[in-house]
Amino acid sequence: MSYHPYDPRMAYDPKRKLTDGDVQERKPDGWWGDEGKLFRDFAFETYQAGLDFVVKVAALAEQRGHHPDLHLKYRRVRVTFTHDAGGVTMLDLDGAQAVNDLLNEDR
């Protein structure tokens, strides 16, 4: 899925802060936008499965050069994208979609 929230006559800037409306319209399935953050909670059957997912997300983040906050609590993982721009950016939306794609690959 490709996101292009800006008028094509404007310069495309993936690091530009999006409006709340843009975030709500374009956030990938399962993700929530709130107070300049984009996050999703994932549930796993075991602690090890959650930890394995965290490791895969970390490797993906290294490849992409865009790193979410990762919080593992027993069998639940929260992935949160924030950005220096002071809000959600296209990089965050693209990263969230990449995490969804990673999860779908494993199923």
C-alpha atoms as a PDB file:
ATOM      1  CA  MET A   1       0.000   0.000   0.000  1.00  0.00           C
ATOM      2  CA  SER A   2       1.384   3.400  -0.922  1.00  0.00           C
ATOM      3  CA  TYR A   3       0.427   6.538   0.964  1.00  0.00           C
ATOM      4  CA  HIS A   4       0.427   9.985  -0.615  1.00  0.00           C
ATOM      5  CA  PRO A   5      -1.403  12.410   1.670  1.00  0.00           C
ATOM      6  CA  TYR A   6      -0.111  15.576   0.077  1.00  0.00           C
ATOM      7  CA  ASP A   7      -1.128  17.464  -2.999  1.00  0.00           C
ATOM      8  CA  PRO A   8       1.164  16.172  -5.788  1.00  0.00           C
ATOM      9  CA  ARG A   9       2.263  19.745  -6.506  1.00  0.00           C
ATOM     10  CA  MET A  10       3.889  19.850  -3.065  1.00  0.00           C
ATOM     11  CA  ALA A  11       7.285  18.351  -2.402  1.00  0.00           C
ATOM     12  CA  TYR A  12       6.904  14.841  -0.952  1.00  0.00           C
ATOM     13  CA  ASP A  13       8.584  14.626   2.449  1.00  0.00           C
ATOM     14  CA  PRO A  14       8.263  11.293   4.313  1.00  0.00           C
ATOM     15  CA  LYS A  15       9.546  12.948   7.507  1.00  0.00           C
ATOM     16  CA  ARG A  16       6.863  15.646   7.536  1.00  0.00           C
ATOM     17  CA  LYS A  17       4.388  15.544  10.409  1.00  0.00           C
ATOM     18  CA  LEU A  18       0.939  14.403   9.301  1.00  0.00           C
ATOM     19  CA  THR A  19      -2.356  15.826  10.465  1.00  0.00           C
ATOM     20  CA  ASP A  20      -4.534  13.736  12.762  1.00  0.00           C
ATOM     21  CA  GLY A  21      -6.949  13.282   9.864  1.00  0.00           C
ATOM     22  CA  ASP A  22      -4.184  11.966   7.613  1.00  0.00           C
ATOM     23  CA  VAL A  23      -3.118   9.498  10.287  1.00  0.00           C
ATOM     24  CA  GLN A  24      -6.664   8.251  10.882  1.00  0.00           C
ATOM     25  CA  GLU A  25      -7.279   7.823   7.140  1.00  0.00           C
ATOM     26  CA  ARG A  26      -3.998   6.088   6.351  1.00  0.00           C
ATOM     27  CA  LYS A  27      -3.011   4.067   9.414  1.00  0.00           C
ATOM     28  CA  PRO A  28      -2.605   0.362   8.646  1.00  0.00           C
ATOM     29  CA  ASP A  29      -5.056  -2.205  10.006  1.00  0.00           C
ATOM     30  CA  GLY A  30      -4.824  -2.698  13.750  1.00  0.00           C
ATOM     31  CA  TRP A  31      -2.852   0.493  14.431  1.00  0.00           C
ATOM     32  CA  TRP A  32      -3.942   3.481  16.512  1.00  0.00           C
ATOM     33  CA  GLY A  33      -2.829   7.078  16.313  1.00  0.00           C
ATOM     34  CA  ASP A  34      -2.813   9.090  19.528  1.00  0.00           C
ATOM     35  CA  GLU A  35      -0.966  12.212  20.678  1.00  0.00           C
ATOM     36  CA  GLY A  36       1.719  12.107  18.006  1.00  0.00           C
ATOM     37  CA  LYS A  37       2.275   8.353  18.248  1.00  0.00           C
ATOM     38  CA  LEU A  38       1.310   5.396  16.133  1.00  0.00           C
ATOM     39  CA  PHE A  39       1.043   2.123  18.024  1.00  0.00           C
ATOM     40  CA  ARG A  40      -0.301  -1.409  17.933  1.00  0.00           C
ATOM     41  CA  ASP A  41      -0.534  -4.189  20.511  1.00  0.00           C
ATOM     42  CA  PHE A  42       0.169  -7.755  19.448  1.00  0.00           C
ATOM     43  CA  ALA A  43      -0.766 -10.864  21.456  1.00  0.00           C
ATOM     44  CA  PHE A  44       1.125 -14.156  21.262  1.00  0.00           C
ATOM     45  CA  GLU A  45       0.512 -17.639  22.610  1.00  0.00           C
ATOM     46  CA  THR A  46       3.840 -17.771  24.434  1.00  0.00           C
ATOM     47  CA  TYR A  47       6.429 -15.421  25.855  1.00  0.00           C
ATOM     48  CA  GLN A  48       9.010 -16.867  23.444  1.00  0.00           C
ATOM     49  CA  ALA A  49       6.772 -16.133  20.435  1.00  0.00           C
ATOM     50  CA  GLY A  50       6.479 -12.508  21.554  1.00  0.00           C
ATOM     51  CA  LEU A  51      10.226 -12.250  22.057  1.00  0.00           C
ATOM     52  CA  ASP A  52      10.879 -13.771  18.619  1.00  0.00           C
ATOM     53  CA  PHE A  53       8.558 -11.151  17.103  1.00  0.00           C
ATOM     54  CA  VAL A  54      10.430  -8.348  18.888  1.00  0.00           C
ATOM     55  CA  VAL A  55      13.717  -9.618  17.434  1.00  0.00           C
ATOM     56  CA  LYS A  56      12.222  -9.717  13.916  1.00  0.00           C
ATOM     57  CA  VAL A  57      10.828  -6.177  14.258  1.00  0.00           C
ATOM     58  CA  ALA A  58      14.230  -4.978  15.505  1.00  0.00           C
ATOM     59  CA  ALA A  59      15.964  -6.528  12.470  1.00  0.00           C
ATOM     60  CA  LEU A  60      13.389  -4.947  10.154  1.00  0.00           C
ATOM     61  CA  ALA A  61      13.924  -1.569  11.823  1.00  0.00           C
ATOM     62  CA  GLU A  62      17.685  -1.846  11.313  1.00  0.00           C
ATOM     63  CA  GLN A  63      17.170  -2.623   7.602  1.00  0.00           C
ATOM     64  CA  ARG A  64      14.800   0.312   7.176  1.00  0.00           C
ATOM     65  CA  GLY A  65      16.754   2.746   9.350  1.00  0.00           C
ATOM     66  CA  HIS A  66      13.597   3.710  11.249  1.00  0.00           C
ATOM     67  CA  HIS A  67      13.209   2.345  14.760  1.00  0.00           C
ATOM     68  CA  PRO A  68      10.005   1.956  16.794  1.00  0.00           C
ATOM     69  CA  ASP A  69       9.848   1.605  20.550  1.00  0.00           C
ATOM     70  CA  LEU A  70       9.304  -2.049  21.471  1.00  0.00           C
ATOM     71  CA  HIS A  71       7.714  -3.130  24.739  1.00  0.00           C
ATOM     72  CA  LEU A  72       7.443  -6.823  25.633  1.00  0.00           C
ATOM     73  CA  LYS A  73       5.228  -7.719  28.580  1.00  0.00           C
ATOM     74  CA  TYR A  74       4.781 -11.451  28.984  1.00  0.00           C
ATOM     75  CA  ARG A  75       2.848 -12.510  25.833  1.00  0.00           C
ATOM     76  CA  ARG A  76       2.033  -9.021  24.600  1.00  0.00           C
ATOM     77  CA  VAL A  77       4.149  -6.705  22.480  1.00  0.00           C
ATOM     78  CA  ARG A  78       3.470  -3.027  21.886  1.00  0.00           C
ATOM     79  CA  VAL A  79       5.160  -1.417  18.883  1.00  0.00           C
ATOM     80  CA  THR A  80       5.143   2.397  18.928  1.00  0.00           C
ATOM     81  CA  PHE A  81       6.383   4.739  16.242  1.00  0.00           C
ATOM     82  CA  THR A  82       7.152   8.323  17.212  1.00  0.00           C
ATOM     83  CA  HIS A  83       9.274  10.772  15.310  1.00  0.00           C
ATOM     84  CA  ASP A  84      11.484  13.783  15.836  1.00  0.00           C
ATOM     85  CA  ALA A  85       8.982  15.748  13.749  1.00  0.00           C
ATOM     86  CA  GLY A  86       6.741  15.903  16.805  1.00  0.00           C
ATOM     87  CA  GLY A  87       4.074  13.642  15.339  1.00  0.00           C
ATOM     88  CA  VAL A  88       3.356  10.770  13.009  1.00  0.00           C
ATOM     89  CA  THR A  89       5.059  10.856   9.607  1.00  0.00           C
ATOM     90  CA  MET A  90       4.894   8.816   6.429  1.00  0.00           C
ATOM     91  CA  LEU A  91       7.986   6.946   7.636  1.00  0.00           C
ATOM     92  CA  ASP A  92       5.966   5.854  10.657  1.00  0.00           C
ATOM     93  CA  LEU A  93       2.984   4.738   8.553  1.00  0.00           C
ATOM     94  CA  ASP A  94       5.269   2.849   6.187  1.00  0.00           C
ATOM     95  CA  GLY A  95       7.059   1.241   9.140  1.00  0.00           C
ATOM     96  CA  ALA A  96       3.753   0.195  10.681  1.00  0.00           C
ATOM     97  CA  GLN A  97       2.682  -1.417   7.414  1.00  0.00           C
ATOM     98  CA  ALA A  98       6.037  -3.214   7.217  1.00  0.00           C
ATOM     99  CA  VAL A  99       5.458  -4.612  10.731  1.00  0.00           C
ATOM    100  CA  ASN A 100       2.003  -5.816   9.659  1.00  0.00           C
ATOM    101  CA  ASP A 101       3.553  -7.440   6.591  1.00  0.00           C
ATOM    102  CA  LEU A 102       6.159  -9.123   8.794  1.00  0.00           C
ATOM    103  CA  LEU A 103       3.439 -10.531  11.040  1.00  0.00           C
ATOM    104  CA  ASN A 104       1.445 -11.772   8.034  1.00  0.00           C
ATOM    105  CA  GLU A 105       4.546 -13.548   6.653  1.00  0.00           C
ATOM    106  CA  ASP A 106       4.751 -15.592   9.829  1.00  0.00           C
ATOM    107  CA  ARG A 107       1.144 -16.779   9.631  1.00  0.00           C
END
